[in-house]
Amino acid sequence: MKAFSALTNKLGIDLGSSQVRIFRDDRVVLEESSVAVVDNINGRVLGFGTDALIRYHEEPENHYLAWPVKNGSIADYNIAKSMLRYFYQ
């Protein structure tokens, strides 16, 4: 099996209530806030993580922050899925 171990990509994801961490080969490759910014008018998600916080603080009257993970459980499946897809890319 060791012959194939170099060909596999090992990826670990810690989806927390406040932060998302993605690990590869025992090191953190991404650490971001687990938050999304949502448009007040049409409900579209505009960004995730640090980008979400920046966008929100630029126009707080037009956006709100959503935390897709609350108390260690996924509270909003669609936003959590989109957030993971965004961070993975």
PDB file of N, CA and C in Angstrom:
ATOM      1  N   MET A   1       0.798  -1.201   0.000  1.00  0.00           N
ATOM      2  CA  MET A   1       0.000   0.000   0.000  1.00  0.00           C
ATOM      3  C   MET A   1       0.842   1.267   0.000  1.00  0.00           C
ATOM      4  N   LYS A   2       2.048   1.223   0.519  1.00  0.00           N
ATOM      5  CA  LYS A   2       2.875   2.424   0.556  1.00  0.00           C
ATOM      6  C   LYS A   2       3.221   2.930  -0.842  1.00  0.00           C
ATOM      7  N   ALA A   3       3.218   2.062  -1.813  1.00  0.00           N
ATOM      8  CA  ALA A   3       3.515   2.484  -3.178  1.00  0.00           C
ATOM      9  C   ALA A   3       2.467   3.462  -3.693  1.00  0.00           C
ATOM     10  N   PHE A   4       1.229   3.333  -3.215  1.00  0.00           N
ATOM     11  CA  PHE A   4       0.150   4.206  -3.663  1.00  0.00           C
ATOM     12  C   PHE A   4      -0.036   5.432  -2.771  1.00  0.00           C
ATOM     13  N   SER A   5       0.608   5.459  -1.621  1.00  0.00           N
ATOM     14  CA  SER A   5       0.389   6.563  -0.691  1.00  0.00           C
ATOM     15  C   SER A   5       0.853   7.907  -1.260  1.00  0.00           C
ATOM     16  N   ALA A   6       1.836   7.918  -2.120  1.00  0.00           N
ATOM     17  CA  ALA A   6       2.293   9.166  -2.719  1.00  0.00           C
ATOM     18  C   ALA A   6       1.300   9.691  -3.750  1.00  0.00           C
ATOM     19  N   LEU A   7       0.414   8.840  -4.227  1.00  0.00           N
ATOM     20  CA  LEU A   7      -0.544   9.238  -5.247  1.00  0.00           C
ATOM     21  C   LEU A   7      -1.848   9.770  -4.676  1.00  0.00           C
ATOM     22  N   THR A   8      -2.052   9.615  -3.379  1.00  0.00           N
ATOM     23  CA  THR A   8      -3.313  10.041  -2.782  1.00  0.00           C
ATOM     24  C   THR A   8      -3.177  11.450  -2.209  1.00  0.00           C
ATOM     25  N   ASN A   9      -4.267  12.159  -2.255  1.00  0.00           N
ATOM     26  CA  ASN A   9      -4.340  13.480  -1.636  1.00  0.00           C
ATOM     27  C   ASN A   9      -5.104  13.339  -0.330  1.00  0.00           C
ATOM     28  N   LYS A  10      -4.459  13.589   0.774  1.00  0.00           N
ATOM     29  CA  LYS A  10      -5.113  13.529   2.072  1.00  0.00           C
ATOM     30  C   LYS A  10      -5.512  14.935   2.461  1.00  0.00           C
ATOM     31  N   LEU A  11      -6.787  15.105   2.707  1.00  0.00           N
ATOM     32  CA  LEU A  11      -7.328  16.412   3.021  1.00  0.00           C
ATOM     33  C   LEU A  11      -8.198  16.288   4.262  1.00  0.00           C
ATOM     34  N   GLY A  12      -7.993  17.155   5.221  1.00  0.00           N
ATOM     35  CA  GLY A  12      -8.818  17.179   6.419  1.00  0.00           C
ATOM     36  C   GLY A  12      -9.532  18.516   6.515  1.00  0.00           C
ATOM     37  N   ILE A  13     -10.803  18.474   6.889  1.00  0.00           N
ATOM     38  CA  ILE A  13     -11.594  19.696   7.011  1.00  0.00           C
ATOM     39  C   ILE A  13     -12.182  19.764   8.412  1.00  0.00           C
ATOM     40  N   ASP A  14     -11.915  20.872   9.087  1.00  0.00           N
ATOM     41  CA  ASP A  14     -12.491  21.149  10.403  1.00  0.00           C
ATOM     42  C   ASP A  14     -13.514  22.265  10.195  1.00  0.00           C
ATOM     43  N   LEU A  15     -14.777  21.891  10.160  1.00  0.00           N
ATOM     44  CA  LEU A  15     -15.863  22.841   9.937  1.00  0.00           C
ATOM     45  C   LEU A  15     -16.403  23.258  11.296  1.00  0.00           C
ATOM     46  N   GLY A  16     -15.891  24.373  11.802  1.00  0.00           N
ATOM     47  CA  GLY A  16     -16.277  24.830  13.130  1.00  0.00           C
ATOM     48  C   GLY A  16     -17.280  25.958  13.089  1.00  0.00           C
ATOM     49  N   SER A  17     -17.812  26.294  14.246  1.00  0.00           N
ATOM     50  CA  SER A  17     -18.801  27.367  14.352  1.00  0.00           C
ATOM     51  C   SER A  17     -18.200  28.732  14.073  1.00  0.00           C
ATOM     52  N   SER A  18     -16.918  28.908  14.345  1.00  0.00           N
ATOM     53  CA  SER A  18     -16.301  30.214  14.114  1.00  0.00           C
ATOM     54  C   SER A  18     -15.267  30.199  12.995  1.00  0.00           C
ATOM     55  N   GLN A  19     -14.622  29.057  12.765  1.00  0.00           N
ATOM     56  CA  GLN A  19     -13.590  28.987  11.737  1.00  0.00           C
ATOM     57  C   GLN A  19     -13.636  27.666  10.982  1.00  0.00           C
ATOM     58  N   VAL A  20     -13.201  27.744   9.724  1.00  0.00           N
ATOM     59  CA  VAL A  20     -13.009  26.561   8.893  1.00  0.00           C
ATOM     60  C   VAL A  20     -11.511  26.405   8.704  1.00  0.00           C
ATOM     61  N   ARG A  21     -11.024  25.204   8.956  1.00  0.00           N
ATOM     62  CA  ARG A  21      -9.605  24.917   8.713  1.00  0.00           C
ATOM     63  C   ARG A  21      -9.526  23.741   7.750  1.00  0.00           C
ATOM     64  N   ILE A  22      -8.655  23.875   6.758  1.00  0.00           N
ATOM     65  CA  ILE A  22      -8.412  22.782   5.829  1.00  0.00           C
ATOM     66  C   ILE A  22      -6.953  22.394   5.972  1.00  0.00           C
ATOM     67  N   PHE A  23      -6.723  21.114   6.195  1.00  0.00           N
ATOM     68  CA  PHE A  23      -5.389  20.569   6.409  1.00  0.00           C
ATOM     69  C   PHE A  23      -5.008  19.683   5.231  1.00  0.00           C
ATOM     70  N   ARG A  24      -3.747  19.728   4.867  1.00  0.00           N
ATOM     71  CA  ARG A  24      -3.197  18.797   3.879  1.00  0.00           C
ATOM     72  C   ARG A  24      -1.822  18.392   4.382  1.00  0.00           C
ATOM     73  N   ASP A  25      -1.622  17.093   4.476  1.00  0.00           N
ATOM     74  CA  ASP A  25      -0.327  16.548   4.923  1.00  0.00           C
ATOM     75  C   ASP A  25       0.151  17.188   6.226  1.00  0.00           C
ATOM     76  N   ASP A  26      -0.701  17.181   7.224  1.00  0.00           N
ATOM     77  CA  ASP A  26      -0.366  17.649   8.577  1.00  0.00           C
ATOM     78  C   ASP A  26      -0.043  19.132   8.681  1.00  0.00           C
ATOM     79  N   ARG A  27      -0.505  19.940   7.746  1.00  0.00           N
ATOM     80  CA  ARG A  27      -0.324  21.388   7.878  1.00  0.00           C
ATOM     81  C   ARG A  27      -1.607  22.101   7.443  1.00  0.00           C
ATOM     82  N   VAL A  28      -1.833  23.248   8.026  1.00  0.00           N
ATOM     83  CA  VAL A  28      -3.021  24.042   7.714  1.00  0.00           C
ATOM     84  C   VAL A  28      -2.773  24.777   6.402  1.00  0.00           C
ATOM     85  N   VAL A  29      -3.645  24.572   5.415  1.00  0.00           N
ATOM     86  CA  VAL A  29      -3.512  25.278   4.143  1.00  0.00           C
ATOM     87  C   VAL A  29      -4.548  26.391   4.013  1.00  0.00           C
ATOM     88  N   LEU A  30      -5.575  26.365   4.865  1.00  0.00           N
ATOM     89  CA  LEU A  30      -6.573  27.436   4.859  1.00  0.00           C
ATOM     90  C   LEU A  30      -7.168  27.566   6.247  1.00  0.00           C
ATOM     91  N   GLU A  31      -7.296  28.791   6.707  1.00  0.00           N
ATOM     92  CA  GLU A  31      -7.955  29.082   7.983  1.00  0.00           C
ATOM     93  C   GLU A  31      -8.751  30.363   7.782  1.00  0.00           C
ATOM     94  N   GLU A  32     -10.066  30.236   7.761  1.00  0.00           N
ATOM     95  CA  GLU A  32     -10.963  31.356   7.479  1.00  0.00           C
ATOM     96  C   GLU A  32     -12.134  31.341   8.453  1.00  0.00           C
ATOM     97  N   SER A  33     -12.736  32.489   8.639  1.00  0.00           N
ATOM     98  CA  SER A  33     -13.960  32.568   9.438  1.00  0.00           C
ATOM     99  C   SER A  33     -15.073  31.829   8.709  1.00  0.00           C
ATOM    100  N   SER A  34     -15.890  31.102   9.441  1.00  0.00           N
ATOM    101  CA  SER A  34     -17.005  30.380   8.812  1.00  0.00           C
ATOM    102  C   SER A  34     -18.244  31.272   8.835  1.00  0.00           C
ATOM    103  N   VAL A  35     -18.205  32.277   7.977  1.00  0.00           N
ATOM    104  CA  VAL A  35     -19.282  33.255   7.893  1.00  0.00           C
ATOM    105  C   VAL A  35     -19.524  33.571   6.426  1.00  0.00           C
ATOM    106  N   ALA A  36     -20.761  33.927   6.117  1.00  0.00           N
ATOM    107  CA  ALA A  36     -21.133  34.339   4.761  1.00  0.00           C
ATOM    108  C   ALA A  36     -21.819  35.692   4.840  1.00  0.00           C
ATOM    109  N   VAL A  37     -21.656  36.501   3.799  1.00  0.00           N
ATOM    110  CA  VAL A  37     -22.373  37.770   3.707  1.00  0.00           C
ATOM    111  C   VAL A  37     -23.485  37.578   2.680  1.00  0.00           C
ATOM    112  N   VAL A  38     -24.687  38.021   3.048  1.00  0.00           N
ATOM    113  CA  VAL A  38     -25.875  37.810   2.224  1.00  0.00           C
ATOM    114  C   VAL A  38     -26.510  39.164   1.917  1.00  0.00           C
ATOM    115  N   ASP A  39     -26.952  39.327   0.679  1.00  0.00           N
ATOM    116  CA  ASP A  39     -27.624  40.556   0.251  1.00  0.00           C
ATOM    117  C   ASP A  39     -29.015  40.609   0.876  1.00  0.00           C
ATOM    118  N   ASN A  40     -29.384  41.754   1.467  1.00  0.00           N
ATOM    119  CA  ASN A  40     -30.692  41.919   2.109  1.00  0.00           C
ATOM    120  C   ASN A  40     -31.852  41.833   1.129  1.00  0.00           C
ATOM    121  N   ILE A  41     -31.650  42.297  -0.100  1.00  0.00           N
ATOM    122  CA  ILE A  41     -32.754  42.393  -1.053  1.00  0.00           C
ATOM    123  C   ILE A  41     -33.083  41.062  -1.711  1.00  0.00           C
ATOM    124  N   ASN A  42     -32.084  40.431  -2.331  1.00  0.00           N
ATOM    125  CA  ASN A  42     -32.374  39.206  -3.081  1.00  0.00           C
ATOM    126  C   ASN A  42     -31.927  37.922  -2.393  1.00  0.00           C
ATOM    127  N   GLY A  43     -31.253  38.008  -1.264  1.00  0.00           N
ATOM    128  CA  GLY A  43     -30.847  36.821  -0.520  1.00  0.00           C
ATOM    129  C   GLY A  43     -29.655  36.087  -1.102  1.00  0.00           C
ATOM    130  N   ARG A  44     -28.982  36.693  -2.078  1.00  0.00           N
ATOM    131  CA  ARG A  44     -27.804  36.050  -2.684  1.00  0.00           C
ATOM    132  C   ARG A  44     -26.621  36.110  -1.739  1.00  0.00           C
ATOM    133  N   VAL A  45     -25.875  35.013  -1.693  1.00  0.00           N
ATOM    134  CA  VAL A  45     -24.633  34.978  -0.925  1.00  0.00           C
ATOM    135  C   VAL A  45     -23.558  35.673  -1.752  1.00  0.00           C
ATOM    136  N   LEU A  46     -22.890  36.653  -1.153  1.00  0.00           N
ATOM    137  CA  LEU A  46     -21.925  37.477  -1.879  1.00  0.00           C
ATOM    138  C   LEU A  46     -20.470  37.135  -1.577  1.00  0.00           C
ATOM    139  N   GLY A  47     -20.214  36.429  -0.492  1.00  0.00           N
ATOM    140  CA  GLY A  47     -18.842  36.088  -0.154  1.00  0.00           C
ATOM    141  C   GLY A  47     -18.766  35.291   1.131  1.00  0.00           C
ATOM    142  N   PHE A  48     -17.574  34.767   1.401  1.00  0.00           N
ATOM    143  CA  PHE A  48     -17.354  33.934   2.575  1.00  0.00           C
ATOM    144  C   PHE A  48     -16.072  34.351   3.285  1.00  0.00           C
ATOM    145  N   GLY A  49     -15.973  34.022   4.545  1.00  0.00           N
ATOM    146  CA  GLY A  49     -14.756  34.243   5.306  1.00  0.00           C
ATOM    147  C   GLY A  49     -14.410  35.706   5.471  1.00  0.00           C
ATOM    148  N   THR A  50     -13.134  36.013   5.333  1.00  0.00           N
ATOM    149  CA  THR A  50     -12.647  37.380   5.480  1.00  0.00           C
ATOM    150  C   THR A  50     -13.303  38.308   4.468  1.00  0.00           C
ATOM    151  N   ASP A  51     -13.478  37.821   3.247  1.00  0.00           N
ATOM    152  CA  ASP A  51     -14.152  38.610   2.209  1.00  0.00           C
ATOM    153  C   ASP A  51     -15.562  38.995   2.651  1.00  0.00           C
ATOM    154  N   ALA A  52     -16.265  38.087   3.298  1.00  0.00           N
ATOM    155  CA  ALA A  52     -17.616  38.371   3.782  1.00  0.00           C
ATOM    156  C   ALA A  52     -17.602  39.473   4.828  1.00  0.00           C
ATOM    157  N   LEU A  53     -16.659  39.410   5.744  1.00  0.00           N
ATOM    158  CA  LEU A  53     -16.575  40.427   6.795  1.00  0.00           C
ATOM    159  C   LEU A  53     -16.254  41.802   6.214  1.00  0.00           C
ATOM    160  N   ILE A  54     -15.355  41.846   5.238  1.00  0.00           N
ATOM    161  CA  ILE A  54     -15.006  43.119   4.599  1.00  0.00           C
ATOM    162  C   ILE A  54     -16.212  43.694   3.862  1.00  0.00           C
ATOM    163  N   ARG A  55     -16.900  42.856   3.080  1.00  0.00           N
ATOM    164  CA  ARG A  55     -18.070  43.331   2.324  1.00  0.00           C
ATOM    165  C   ARG A  55     -19.161  43.835   3.253  1.00  0.00           C
ATOM    166  N   TYR A  56     -19.382  43.104   4.347  1.00  0.00           N
ATOM    167  CA  TYR A  56     -20.411  43.519   5.302  1.00  0.00           C
ATOM    168  C   TYR A  56     -20.087  44.883   5.903  1.00  0.00           C
ATOM    169  N   HIS A  57     -18.854  45.085   6.323  1.00  0.00           N
ATOM    170  CA  HIS A  57     -18.481  46.346   6.977  1.00  0.00           C
ATOM    171  C   HIS A  57     -18.445  47.525   6.006  1.00  0.00           C
ATOM    172  N   GLU A  58     -18.343  47.237   4.698  1.00  0.00           N
ATOM    173  CA  GLU A  58     -18.409  48.324   3.719  1.00  0.00           C
ATOM    174  C   GLU A  58     -19.834  48.849   3.553  1.00  0.00           C
ATOM    175  N   GLU A  59     -20.826  47.962   3.599  1.00  0.00           N
ATOM    176  CA  GLU A  59     -22.236  48.346   3.422  1.00  0.00           C
ATOM    177  C   GLU A  59     -23.137  47.540   4.359  1.00  0.00           C
ATOM    178  N   PRO A  60     -23.056  47.767   5.665  1.00  0.00           N
ATOM    179  CA  PRO A  60     -23.844  46.953   6.596  1.00  0.00           C
ATOM    180  C   PRO A  60     -25.356  47.122   6.436  1.00  0.00           C
ATOM    181  N   GLU A  61     -25.791  48.236   5.868  1.00  0.00           N
ATOM    182  CA  GLU A  61     -27.228  48.439   5.698  1.00  0.00           C
ATOM    183  C   GLU A  61     -27.801  47.591   4.558  1.00  0.00           C
ATOM    184  N   ASN A  62     -26.944  47.104   3.647  1.00  0.00           N
ATOM    185  CA  ASN A  62     -27.402  46.326   2.499  1.00  0.00           C
ATOM    186  C   ASN A  62     -27.151  44.822   2.632  1.00  0.00           C
ATOM    187  N   HIS A  63     -26.421  44.415   3.670  1.00  0.00           N
ATOM    188  CA  HIS A  63     -26.037  43.011   3.819  1.00  0.00           C
ATOM    189  C   HIS A  63     -26.240  42.548   5.257  1.00  0.00           C
ATOM    190  N   TYR A  64     -26.282  41.235   5.409  1.00  0.00           N
ATOM    191  CA  TYR A  64     -26.238  40.672   6.759  1.00  0.00           C
ATOM    192  C   TYR A  64     -25.292  39.486   6.764  1.00  0.00           C
ATOM    193  N   LEU A  65     -24.778  39.155   7.937  1.00  0.00           N
ATOM    194  CA  LEU A  65     -23.862  38.041   8.082  1.00  0.00           C
ATOM    195  C   LEU A  65     -24.639  36.801   8.501  1.00  0.00           C
ATOM    196  N   ALA A  66     -24.278  35.670   7.908  1.00  0.00           N
ATOM    197  CA  ALA A  66     -24.910  34.392   8.238  1.00  0.00           C
ATOM    198  C   ALA A  66     -23.822  33.392   8.625  1.00  0.00           C
ATOM    199  N   TRP A  67     -24.044  32.698   9.720  1.00  0.00           N
ATOM    200  CA  TRP A  67     -23.136  31.648  10.159  1.00  0.00           C
ATOM    201  C   TRP A  67     -23.803  30.312   9.878  1.00  0.00           C
ATOM    202  N   PRO A  68     -23.326  29.575   8.880  1.00  0.00           N
ATOM    203  CA  PRO A  68     -23.980  28.323   8.510  1.00  0.00           C
ATOM    204  C   PRO A  68     -23.767  27.191   9.519  1.00  0.00           C
ATOM    205  N   VAL A  69     -22.801  27.357  10.423  1.00  0.00           N
ATOM    206  CA  VAL A  69     -22.550  26.362  11.463  1.00  0.00           C
ATOM    207  C   VAL A  69     -22.774  27.034  12.803  1.00  0.00           C
ATOM    208  N   LYS A  70     -23.681  26.467  13.594  1.00  0.00           N
ATOM    209  CA  LYS A  70     -23.981  27.031  14.915  1.00  0.00           C
ATOM    210  C   LYS A  70     -23.909  25.928  15.956  1.00  0.00           C
ATOM    211  N   ASN A  71     -23.202  26.199  17.033  1.00  0.00           N
ATOM    212  CA  ASN A  71     -23.043  25.248  18.132  1.00  0.00           C
ATOM    213  C   ASN A  71     -22.553  23.888  17.641  1.00  0.00           C
ATOM    214  N   GLY A  72     -21.666  23.903  16.650  1.00  0.00           N
ATOM    215  CA  GLY A  72     -21.066  22.672  16.154  1.00  0.00           C
ATOM    216  C   GLY A  72     -21.920  21.880  15.182  1.00  0.00           C
ATOM    217  N   SER A  73     -23.085  22.404  14.818  1.00  0.00           N
ATOM    218  CA  SER A  73     -23.971  21.709  13.878  1.00  0.00           C
ATOM    219  C   SER A  73     -24.247  22.593  12.672  1.00  0.00           C
ATOM    220  N   ILE A  74     -24.457  21.966  11.524  1.00  0.00           N
ATOM    221  CA  ILE A  74     -24.777  22.730  10.322  1.00  0.00           C
ATOM    222  C   ILE A  74     -26.193  23.269  10.457  1.00  0.00           C
ATOM    223  N   ALA A  75     -26.317  24.599  10.446  1.00  0.00           N
ATOM    224  CA  ALA A  75     -27.610  25.256  10.601  1.00  0.00           C
ATOM    225  C   ALA A  75     -28.223  25.610   9.252  1.00  0.00           C
ATOM    226  N   ASP A  76     -27.387  25.860   8.253  1.00  0.00           N
ATOM    227  CA  ASP A  76     -27.869  26.174   6.909  1.00  0.00           C
ATOM    228  C   ASP A  76     -27.056  25.354   5.916  1.00  0.00           C
ATOM    229  N   TYR A  77     -27.640  24.258   5.457  1.00  0.00           N
ATOM    230  CA  TYR A  77     -26.935  23.313   4.601  1.00  0.00           C
ATOM    231  C   TYR A  77     -26.457  23.958   3.304  1.00  0.00           C
ATOM    232  N   ASN A  78     -27.295  24.739   2.647  1.00  0.00           N
ATOM    233  CA  ASN A  78     -26.934  25.313   1.348  1.00  0.00           C
ATOM    234  C   ASN A  78     -25.772  26.296   1.455  1.00  0.00           C
ATOM    235  N   ILE A  79     -25.784  27.127   2.471  1.00  0.00           N
ATOM    236  CA  ILE A  79     -24.671  28.074   2.641  1.00  0.00           C
ATOM    237  C   ILE A  79     -23.403  27.318   3.044  1.00  0.00           C
ATOM    238  N   ALA A  80     -23.525  26.330   3.914  1.00  0.00           N
ATOM    239  CA  ALA A  80     -22.353  25.544   4.321  1.00  0.00           C
ATOM    240  C   ALA A  80     -21.735  24.830   3.118  1.00  0.00           C
ATOM    241  N   LYS A  81     -22.566  24.267   2.267  1.00  0.00           N
ATOM    242  CA  LYS A  81     -22.073  23.577   1.072  1.00  0.00           C
ATOM    243  C   LYS A  81     -21.366  24.552   0.136  1.00  0.00           C
ATOM    244  N   SER A  82     -21.966  25.711  -0.080  1.00  0.00           N
ATOM    245  CA  SER A  82     -21.352  26.729  -0.948  1.00  0.00           C
ATOM    246  C   SER A  82     -20.043  27.234  -0.360  1.00  0.00           C
ATOM    247  N   MET A  83     -20.008  27.404   0.957  1.00  0.00           N
ATOM    248  CA  MET A  83     -18.812  27.888   1.626  1.00  0.00           C
ATOM    249  C   MET A  83     -17.679  26.879   1.475  1.00  0.00           C
ATOM    250  N   LEU A  84     -17.950  25.615   1.675  1.00  0.00           N
ATOM    251  CA  LEU A  84     -16.915  24.590   1.532  1.00  0.00           C
ATOM    252  C   LEU A  84     -16.417  24.519   0.090  1.00  0.00           C
ATOM    253  N   ARG A  85     -17.330  24.620  -0.859  1.00  0.00           N
ATOM    254  CA  ARG A  85     -16.935  24.606  -2.272  1.00  0.00           C
ATOM    255  C   ARG A  85     -16.025  25.805  -2.571  1.00  0.00           C
ATOM    256  N   TYR A  86     -16.377  26.964  -2.054  1.00  0.00           N
ATOM    257  CA  TYR A  86     -15.585  28.182  -2.263  1.00  0.00           C
ATOM    258  C   TYR A  86     -14.189  28.038  -1.661  1.00  0.00           C
ATOM    259  N   PHE A  87     -14.115  27.567  -0.415  1.00  0.00           N
ATOM    260  CA  PHE A  87     -12.824  27.430   0.241  1.00  0.00           C
ATOM    261  C   PHE A  87     -11.967  26.348  -0.398  1.00  0.00           C
ATOM    262  N   TYR A  88     -12.598  25.295  -0.879  1.00  0.00           N
ATOM    263  CA  TYR A  88     -11.843  24.207  -1.509  1.00  0.00           C
ATOM    264  C   TYR A  88     -11.185  24.681  -2.801  1.00  0.00           C
ATOM    265  N   GLN A  89     -11.890  25.532  -3.529  1.00  0.00           N
ATOM    266  CA  GLN A  89     -11.329  26.032  -4.798  1.00  0.00           C
ATOM    267  C   GLN A  89     -10.246  27.032  -4.505  1.00  0.00           C
TER     268      GLN A  89
END
